[in-house]
């Protein structure tokens, strides 16, 4: 089965009916199609939405998409943003429309989602040895000559298992040797000599084709500018060594790929140093968290903190929760918890209080101290800081665990007008 028509598949999302599956949406909209509800342009605060409700800023989303397009173009990088962050085909389409080469993914299910929405270029930033997934992939490649797929390999045994599962395939699967970021890192080949052995195994496998090298610098132990740069230079040197040895055969271009969301400035700097090789080099960056950015992990770790002259990403998510209990002058409880808010790296950070009259004020003196499944524990400096019924806007940390708790996310402008609904597929 070849990929769907992208426009038709995305349009079909607008025909889905709003119902009990989608938390935070107006109860009186049940049975309405998503497209019809978006056309109403309801206000997030006065249009019947219930708390907790996660909102994605339309303006900040567009800012982030545009900034990374400008950044990658300025530095001569191809861009395949990591789709595991959002698993939102509408955002995949916007990323491609903003110049992305394709979409990076992590597991076969995510690839199937992307293909169902017409994504034609996919980089799987992981090894793939599942026979059923490989057989499905082979059928996709054989049925669609425009589909480009690349994945990691990091062992001769993995190569052998792929080759067995792909026996009889018409098109070979393109692979890159993954160089580990260190002896204690995650996946990847630990030494250059072992990389060569894996490359030899690929050359002997009729169902595979070696097209480059890749890795993830975020796994460098004790990551620092010097350590990350040193590892990236190992990666680019490996590409040059493989090319000099003729390991890339008849490929049209050589893929060299790295880049999470914390060190893409180092990737840009080192990839600029790649020497002229025998074939054009696709310098592929894979950062994904930029699309929504955040109010914690990536606010603190974004490379734009080191190169502020290049711009700044903006946190695009706010989780709105309501004060449901005020048992003491210094304690309050909100109706959002671990089921609603990312909490793996940092607790939510209150930034705005909205009263019943619509007036807003900074959330000064208000701190989330813990999360239960359905409650946020809040400390307040004084009794007047919060009242039962107030809405509290929470900044969240770690985009990858914000998106996955919400199936349908209102996209709202600064005045609260909801202009679209973003569907996720986790």
Protein backbone atom coordinates (compact mmCIF):
# COMPACT_ATOMS: atom_id res chain seq x y z
CA UNK A 1 0.00 0.00 0.00
CA UNK A 2 1.48 3.34 -1.01
CA UNK A 3 1.08 6.43 1.13
CA UNK A 4 -2.19 8.33 1.22
CA UNK A 5 -2.78 11.60 -0.56
CA UNK A 6 -1.54 14.07 2.07
CA UNK A 7 -4.23 16.69 1.53
CA UNK A 8 -7.06 14.16 1.54
CA UNK A 9 -5.76 12.44 4.68
CA UNK A 10 -5.39 15.73 6.53
CA UNK A 11 -8.81 16.91 5.36
CA UNK A 12 -10.34 13.72 6.74
CA UNK A 13 -9.20 14.76 10.23
CA UNK A 14 -11.66 17.65 10.05
CA UNK A 15 -14.51 15.18 9.58
CA UNK A 16 -13.87 13.40 12.88
CA UNK A 17 -16.64 13.89 15.43
CA UNK A 18 -15.98 15.61 18.72
CA UNK A 19 -17.05 13.45 21.66
CA UNK A 20 -16.06 12.12 25.09
CA UNK A 21 -12.66 10.92 23.83
CA UNK A 22 -11.26 14.44 23.72
CA UNK A 23 -10.78 16.08 27.10
CA UNK A 24 -11.18 19.79 27.62
CA UNK A 25 -13.43 20.37 24.60
CA UNK A 26 -16.86 21.99 25.02
CA UNK A 27 -19.48 19.40 26.05
CA UNK A 28 -22.09 21.13 23.88
CA UNK A 29 -19.89 20.49 20.82
CA UNK A 30 -20.33 16.72 21.08
CA UNK A 31 -21.29 15.33 17.67
CA UNK A 32 -19.92 18.35 15.82
CA UNK A 33 -17.10 17.69 13.40
CA UNK A 34 -13.68 19.00 14.28
CA UNK A 35 -13.71 21.19 11.17
CA UNK A 36 -17.07 22.71 12.01
CA UNK A 37 -15.98 23.41 15.57
CA UNK A 38 -12.81 25.10 14.32
CA UNK A 39 -14.90 27.23 11.96
CA UNK A 40 -16.92 28.51 14.93
CA UNK A 41 -13.79 30.20 16.28
CA UNK A 42 -14.81 29.71 19.89
CA UNK A 43 -12.90 31.44 22.63
CA UNK A 44 -10.81 29.18 24.84
CA UNK A 45 -11.95 31.02 27.99
CA UNK A 46 -15.60 31.81 27.24
CA UNK A 47 -16.56 29.23 24.62
CA UNK A 48 -17.46 26.32 26.87
CA UNK A 49 -14.08 24.61 27.15
CA UNK A 50 -13.61 22.69 30.40
CA UNK A 51 -10.53 22.45 32.56
CA UNK A 52 -7.96 21.12 32.38
CA UNK A 53 -7.36 22.08 28.77
CA UNK A 54 -4.06 22.25 26.91
CA UNK A 55 -3.69 25.08 24.39
CA UNK A 56 -1.10 25.55 21.65
CA UNK A 57 -0.30 29.15 20.73
CA UNK A 58 -0.88 29.78 17.03
CA UNK A 59 1.52 32.71 16.90
CA UNK A 60 4.32 31.01 18.82
CA UNK A 61 4.02 27.83 16.80
CA UNK A 62 4.40 29.79 13.57
CA UNK A 63 7.33 31.71 15.04
CA UNK A 64 9.15 28.48 15.93
CA UNK A 65 8.52 26.88 12.54
CA UNK A 66 9.82 29.96 10.75
CA UNK A 67 12.86 30.39 13.00
CA UNK A 68 14.13 26.84 12.47
CA UNK A 69 13.58 27.08 8.74
CA UNK A 70 15.68 30.23 8.70
CA UNK A 71 18.34 28.67 10.94
CA UNK A 72 18.77 25.48 8.93
CA UNK A 73 18.83 27.31 5.61
CA UNK A 74 21.41 29.77 6.92
CA UNK A 75 23.69 26.90 7.96
CA UNK A 76 23.22 24.73 4.88
CA UNK A 77 21.47 21.95 6.77
CA UNK A 78 18.72 19.66 5.56
CA UNK A 79 16.09 19.26 8.26
CA UNK A 80 14.13 16.17 9.32
CA UNK A 81 12.53 17.24 12.62
CA UNK A 82 11.80 14.41 15.02
CA UNK A 83 8.12 13.60 14.72
CA UNK A 84 8.00 11.57 17.94
CA UNK A 85 7.74 14.91 19.73
CA UNK A 86 4.23 15.68 18.50
CA UNK A 87 3.01 12.65 16.51
CA UNK A 88 0.73 15.20 14.86
CA UNK A 89 0.43 14.82 11.07
CA UNK A 90 -0.91 18.38 10.78
CA UNK A 91 2.35 19.60 12.28
CA UNK A 92 4.39 17.23 10.08
CA UNK A 93 2.74 18.89 7.07
CA UNK A 94 3.52 22.36 8.36
CA UNK A 95 7.13 21.39 9.06
CA UNK A 96 7.51 20.10 5.50
CA UNK A 97 5.82 23.26 4.20
CA UNK A 98 8.44 25.21 6.14
CA UNK A 99 11.23 23.51 4.22
CA UNK A 100 11.83 20.24 6.07
CA UNK A 101 13.45 17.51 3.95
CA UNK A 102 11.31 14.92 5.73
CA UNK A 103 10.36 13.67 9.18
CA UNK A 104 12.42 11.66 11.69
CA UNK A 105 10.65 8.94 13.67
CA UNK A 106 11.63 6.36 16.28
CA UNK A 107 9.54 3.18 15.92
CA UNK A 108 7.59 1.38 13.16
CA UNK A 109 4.16 2.47 14.40
CA UNK A 110 5.20 6.09 14.00
CA UNK A 111 6.36 5.38 10.45
CA UNK A 112 2.96 3.88 9.66
CA UNK A 113 1.24 7.02 10.96
CA UNK A 114 3.45 9.24 8.84
CA UNK A 115 2.85 7.12 5.74
CA UNK A 116 -0.90 7.21 6.33
CA UNK A 117 -0.62 10.99 5.97
CA UNK A 118 1.61 10.97 2.91
CA UNK A 119 5.05 11.69 4.36
CA UNK A 120 7.47 10.75 1.56
CA UNK A 121 10.83 11.03 3.33
CA UNK A 122 11.38 9.33 6.67
CA UNK A 123 14.51 8.94 8.75
CA UNK A 124 14.14 6.29 11.46
CA UNK A 125 16.52 7.29 14.23
CA UNK A 126 16.67 3.76 15.56
CA UNK A 127 17.57 0.21 14.62
CA UNK A 128 14.83 -1.87 12.94
CA UNK A 129 14.93 -5.67 13.21
CA UNK A 130 11.25 -6.58 13.65
CA UNK A 131 10.41 -8.95 10.75
CA UNK A 132 6.76 -7.92 10.48
CA UNK A 133 7.66 -4.24 10.40
CA UNK A 134 10.40 -4.86 7.84
CA UNK A 135 8.04 -6.78 5.57
CA UNK A 136 5.53 -3.94 5.78
CA UNK A 137 8.30 -1.44 5.02
CA UNK A 138 9.41 -3.46 2.01
CA UNK A 139 5.88 -3.42 0.60
CA UNK A 140 5.74 0.35 1.09
CA UNK A 141 9.03 0.84 -0.73
CA UNK A 142 8.09 -1.52 -3.56
CA UNK A 143 4.72 0.16 -4.11
CA UNK A 144 5.90 3.78 -4.02
CA UNK A 145 9.05 4.73 -5.94
CA UNK A 146 8.92 8.23 -4.42
CA UNK A 147 9.17 6.94 -0.83
CA UNK A 148 12.60 7.52 0.73
CA UNK A 149 13.40 5.70 3.98
CA UNK A 150 16.63 5.54 5.99
CA UNK A 151 17.29 3.79 9.31
CA UNK A 152 20.14 2.97 11.69
CA UNK A 153 22.19 -0.21 11.86
CA UNK A 154 24.66 -0.89 14.68
CA UNK A 155 25.53 -4.61 14.61
CA UNK A 156 26.35 -7.38 12.19
CA UNK A 157 23.62 -9.52 13.80
CA UNK A 158 21.08 -6.76 13.25
CA UNK A 159 22.12 -6.53 9.62
CA UNK A 160 21.73 -10.31 9.24
CA UNK A 161 18.25 -10.26 10.76
CA UNK A 162 17.17 -7.41 8.48
CA UNK A 163 18.48 -9.22 5.43
CA UNK A 164 16.58 -12.40 6.30
CA UNK A 165 13.31 -10.53 6.84
CA UNK A 166 13.72 -8.55 3.59
CA UNK A 167 14.57 -11.50 1.35
CA UNK A 168 12.89 -11.03 -2.02
CA UNK A 169 12.46 -7.27 -1.68
CA UNK A 170 12.56 -5.32 -4.93
CA UNK A 171 14.15 -2.23 -3.38
CA UNK A 172 16.95 -2.30 -0.81
CA UNK A 173 16.46 -0.51 2.49
CA UNK A 174 18.83 2.42 2.93
CA UNK A 175 20.78 2.32 6.19
CA UNK A 176 23.30 4.45 8.05
CA UNK A 177 25.83 3.11 10.54
CA UNK A 178 25.09 4.58 13.95
CA UNK A 179 28.17 5.72 15.82
CA UNK A 180 27.60 5.57 19.58
CA UNK A 181 28.18 8.74 21.53
CA UNK A 182 30.37 6.93 24.04
CA UNK A 183 31.08 3.66 25.80
CA UNK A 184 28.18 4.19 28.20
CA UNK A 185 25.82 5.66 25.62
CA UNK A 186 22.57 4.21 24.32
CA UNK A 187 22.55 2.38 20.97
CA UNK A 188 25.28 2.62 18.35
CA UNK A 189 28.59 1.06 17.40
CA UNK A 190 31.29 1.80 19.98
CA UNK A 191 34.44 1.93 17.83
CA UNK A 192 35.36 2.90 14.29
CA UNK A 193 36.72 -0.60 13.63
CA UNK A 194 33.36 -2.07 14.59
CA UNK A 195 31.65 0.49 12.35
CA UNK A 196 33.68 -0.85 9.43
CA UNK A 197 32.61 -4.40 10.27
CA UNK A 198 28.97 -3.38 10.26
CA UNK A 199 29.47 -1.58 6.95
CA UNK A 200 31.03 -4.75 5.49
CA UNK A 201 28.00 -6.73 6.63
CA UNK A 202 25.69 -4.25 4.90
CA UNK A 203 27.71 -4.58 1.69
CA UNK A 204 27.21 -8.34 1.81
CA UNK A 205 23.43 -8.04 2.33
CA UNK A 206 21.56 -7.78 -0.96
CA UNK A 207 18.51 -6.20 0.71
CA UNK A 208 20.38 -3.27 2.28
CA UNK A 209 22.29 -0.25 0.97
CA UNK A 210 24.74 1.82 2.99
CA UNK A 211 24.06 5.53 2.47
CA UNK A 212 25.82 7.25 5.36
CA UNK A 213 26.57 7.58 9.05
CA UNK A 214 24.60 9.06 11.92
CA UNK A 215 24.24 9.33 15.67
CA UNK A 216 22.82 11.34 18.54
CA UNK A 217 25.16 13.75 20.27
CA UNK A 218 22.75 14.22 23.18
CA UNK A 219 24.03 10.90 24.55
CA UNK A 220 27.65 12.10 24.89
CA UNK A 221 28.59 11.44 28.54
CA UNK A 222 28.97 14.69 30.45
CA UNK A 223 27.90 16.61 27.36
CA UNK A 224 29.74 19.90 26.99
CA UNK A 225 30.57 22.00 23.93
CA UNK A 226 34.04 20.44 23.73
CA UNK A 227 32.87 16.85 24.24
CA UNK A 228 29.96 17.15 21.80
CA UNK A 229 32.17 18.80 19.17
CA UNK A 230 34.79 16.06 19.53
CA UNK A 231 32.20 13.34 19.01
CA UNK A 232 30.67 15.12 16.01
CA UNK A 233 34.14 15.29 14.44
CA UNK A 234 34.47 11.54 14.92
CA UNK A 235 31.19 11.14 13.06
CA UNK A 236 32.19 13.32 10.12
CA UNK A 237 35.64 11.68 9.96
CA UNK A 238 33.91 8.30 9.78
CA UNK A 239 31.88 9.48 6.80
CA UNK A 240 35.05 10.64 5.06
CA UNK A 241 36.82 7.34 5.81
CA UNK A 242 33.93 5.28 4.48
CA UNK A 243 33.81 7.42 1.35
CA UNK A 244 37.55 7.08 0.74
CA UNK A 245 37.19 3.31 1.06
CA UNK A 246 34.39 3.26 -1.51
CA UNK A 247 31.83 1.97 0.96
CA UNK A 248 28.95 4.09 -0.35
CA UNK A 249 28.86 2.45 -3.77
CA UNK A 250 26.31 3.78 -6.25
CA UNK A 251 24.32 6.08 -3.93
CA UNK A 252 23.36 9.53 -5.21
CA UNK A 253 24.42 11.23 -2.01
CA UNK A 254 25.94 10.57 1.41
CA UNK A 255 23.85 11.08 4.55
CA UNK A 256 25.56 12.51 7.63
CA UNK A 257 23.01 13.03 10.39
CA UNK A 258 22.90 14.15 14.02
CA UNK A 259 21.10 16.73 16.05
CA UNK A 260 18.78 16.72 18.99
CA UNK A 261 17.36 19.93 20.42
CA UNK A 262 20.18 20.83 22.83
CA UNK A 263 23.26 20.92 20.58
CA UNK A 264 22.21 21.80 17.05
CA UNK A 265 24.58 24.77 17.07
CA UNK A 266 27.51 22.37 17.48
CA UNK A 267 26.09 20.19 14.69
CA UNK A 268 25.89 23.21 12.38
CA UNK A 269 29.47 24.21 13.19
CA UNK A 270 31.02 20.78 12.70
CA UNK A 271 28.95 19.85 9.64
CA UNK A 272 30.24 23.03 8.00
CA UNK A 273 33.71 21.44 8.25
CA UNK A 274 32.80 18.30 6.26
CA UNK A 275 35.27 18.10 3.37
CA UNK A 276 34.24 17.61 -0.24
CA UNK A 277 33.39 13.94 -0.67
CA UNK A 278 32.92 11.88 -3.81
CA UNK A 279 29.16 12.53 -3.74
CA UNK A 280 26.94 15.34 -2.42
CA UNK A 281 26.46 15.25 1.35
CA UNK A 282 23.00 15.49 2.91
CA UNK A 283 23.73 17.21 6.23
CA UNK A 284 20.63 16.13 8.09
CA UNK A 285 19.60 17.77 11.37
CA UNK A 286 16.85 16.02 13.39
CA UNK A 287 15.84 18.38 16.24
CA UNK A 288 12.16 18.04 17.19
CA UNK A 289 11.38 19.83 20.46
CA UNK A 290 11.58 23.26 18.79
CA UNK A 291 8.08 22.95 17.37
CA UNK A 292 6.44 23.83 20.68
CA UNK A 293 9.58 24.56 22.74
CA UNK A 294 8.85 24.63 26.49
CA UNK A 295 9.09 26.38 29.85
CA UNK A 296 11.74 24.14 31.38
CA UNK A 297 14.17 21.66 29.86
CA UNK A 298 14.62 23.33 26.47
CA UNK A 299 14.14 26.87 27.72
CA UNK A 300 17.30 26.21 29.72
CA UNK A 301 19.18 24.04 27.18
CA UNK A 302 18.31 25.54 23.80
CA UNK A 303 21.37 26.37 21.69
CA UNK A 304 19.85 29.79 21.06
CA UNK A 305 20.96 30.67 24.59
CA UNK A 306 24.54 30.35 23.28
CA UNK A 307 23.86 32.14 19.99
CA UNK A 308 21.17 34.72 20.85
CA UNK A 309 21.95 36.66 17.69
CA UNK A 310 20.36 33.78 15.73
CA UNK A 311 16.95 34.27 17.39
CA UNK A 312 14.94 32.68 20.19
CA UNK A 313 12.30 29.97 20.35
CA UNK A 314 9.05 30.61 22.22
CA UNK A 315 7.20 28.28 24.58
CA UNK A 316 3.93 27.55 22.76
CA UNK A 317 2.02 25.43 25.29
CA UNK A 318 -0.11 26.51 28.24
CA UNK A 319 -2.07 24.05 30.34
CA UNK A 320 -5.06 25.79 31.86
CA UNK A 321 -6.27 24.25 35.12
CA UNK A 322 -8.77 25.47 37.69
CA UNK A 323 -8.53 26.00 41.42
CA UNK A 324 -10.94 23.46 42.91
CA UNK A 325 -9.87 23.53 46.55
CA UNK A 326 -8.31 26.14 48.87
CA UNK A 327 -8.01 24.32 52.19
CA UNK A 328 -5.53 26.74 53.82
CA UNK A 329 -4.18 30.24 53.12
CA UNK A 330 -0.99 28.71 51.78
CA UNK A 331 -2.31 25.70 49.92
CA UNK A 332 -4.46 25.21 46.82
CA UNK A 333 -5.30 22.34 44.49
CA UNK A 334 -5.77 22.48 40.73
CA UNK A 335 -7.72 19.93 38.70
CA UNK A 336 -4.77 18.87 36.52
CA UNK A 337 -2.23 16.23 37.38
CA UNK A 338 0.03 13.56 35.94
CA UNK A 339 -2.64 12.54 33.42
CA UNK A 340 -2.54 16.01 31.92
CA UNK A 341 0.87 17.59 32.48
CA UNK A 342 4.43 16.59 31.62
CA UNK A 343 6.30 15.87 34.84
CA UNK A 344 9.25 13.64 33.91
CA UNK A 345 11.78 16.49 33.96
CA UNK A 346 10.18 19.42 35.81
CA UNK A 347 6.91 20.24 37.53
CA UNK A 348 4.52 22.69 35.82
CA UNK A 349 5.30 26.35 36.36
CA UNK A 350 2.38 28.75 36.96
CA UNK A 351 2.68 31.93 34.93
CA UNK A 352 -0.83 33.45 34.70
CA UNK A 353 -3.96 33.62 36.84
CA UNK A 354 -7.28 34.35 35.16
CA UNK A 355 -10.20 35.33 37.37
CA UNK A 356 -13.89 34.67 36.72
CA UNK A 357 -14.22 38.20 35.32
CA UNK A 358 -11.56 37.51 32.67
CA UNK A 359 -8.92 39.71 34.29
CA UNK A 360 -5.43 38.22 34.24
CA UNK A 361 -2.39 38.76 36.45
CA UNK A 362 1.05 37.17 36.83
CA UNK A 363 1.12 34.03 38.99
CA UNK A 364 3.51 35.60 41.47
CA UNK A 365 4.01 33.68 44.70
CA UNK A 366 2.36 30.54 43.30
CA UNK A 367 4.33 27.29 42.98
CA UNK A 368 3.38 23.75 42.00
CA UNK A 369 5.04 21.51 44.57
CA UNK A 370 3.76 18.07 43.53
CA UNK A 371 1.40 16.25 41.18
CA UNK A 372 -1.11 13.52 41.93
CA UNK A 373 -2.86 11.67 39.13
CA UNK A 374 -5.56 14.35 38.80
CA UNK A 375 -4.42 17.19 41.05
CA UNK A 376 -1.63 19.74 41.19
CA UNK A 377 -0.49 20.62 44.71
CA UNK A 378 0.08 24.37 44.88
CA UNK A 379 1.81 26.51 47.47
CA UNK A 380 0.79 30.18 47.77
CA UNK A 381 2.45 32.98 49.64
CA UNK A 382 -0.79 34.60 50.77
CA UNK A 383 -4.50 33.88 50.97
CA UNK A 384 -5.27 36.41 48.26
CA UNK A 385 -3.08 34.83 45.62
CA UNK A 386 -5.75 32.38 44.42
CA UNK A 387 -9.47 31.79 44.81
CA UNK A 388 -11.61 28.76 44.09
CA UNK A 389 -12.70 28.97 40.46
CA UNK A 390 -9.62 30.84 39.17
CA UNK A 391 -7.94 29.46 36.06
CA UNK A 392 -4.17 29.04 36.32
CA UNK A 393 -1.97 28.98 33.21
CA UNK A 394 0.85 26.50 33.59
CA UNK A 395 4.07 26.38 31.61
CA UNK A 396 5.28 22.84 30.95
CA UNK A 397 8.64 21.15 30.47
CA UNK A 398 9.64 18.58 27.83
CA UNK A 399 7.59 18.72 24.61
CA UNK A 400 7.82 14.96 24.04
CA UNK A 401 5.76 14.28 27.16
CA UNK A 402 3.37 17.21 26.74
CA UNK A 403 1.85 16.18 23.42
CA UNK A 404 1.35 12.52 24.32
CA UNK A 405 -1.28 13.18 27.00
CA UNK A 406 -3.68 14.94 24.62
CA UNK A 407 -5.42 13.53 21.53
CA UNK A 408 -6.95 16.78 20.28
CA UNK A 409 -5.28 20.06 21.18
CA UNK A 410 -6.91 23.47 20.60
CA UNK A 411 -4.68 25.90 18.74
CA UNK A 412 -5.50 29.40 19.95
CA UNK A 413 -4.46 32.95 19.11
CA UNK A 414 -3.30 35.37 21.77
CA UNK A 415 -6.86 36.60 22.41
CA UNK A 416 -8.08 33.03 23.01
CA UNK A 417 -9.72 32.41 19.63
CA UNK A 418 -9.39 28.72 18.76
CA UNK A 419 -8.47 28.46 15.09
CA UNK A 420 -7.70 24.75 14.75
CA UNK A 421 -7.43 21.44 16.60
CA UNK A 422 -4.24 19.39 16.43
CA UNK A 423 -4.79 15.62 16.37
CA UNK A 424 -2.07 13.40 17.82
CA UNK A 425 -1.45 9.68 17.22
CA UNK A 426 0.50 8.06 20.05
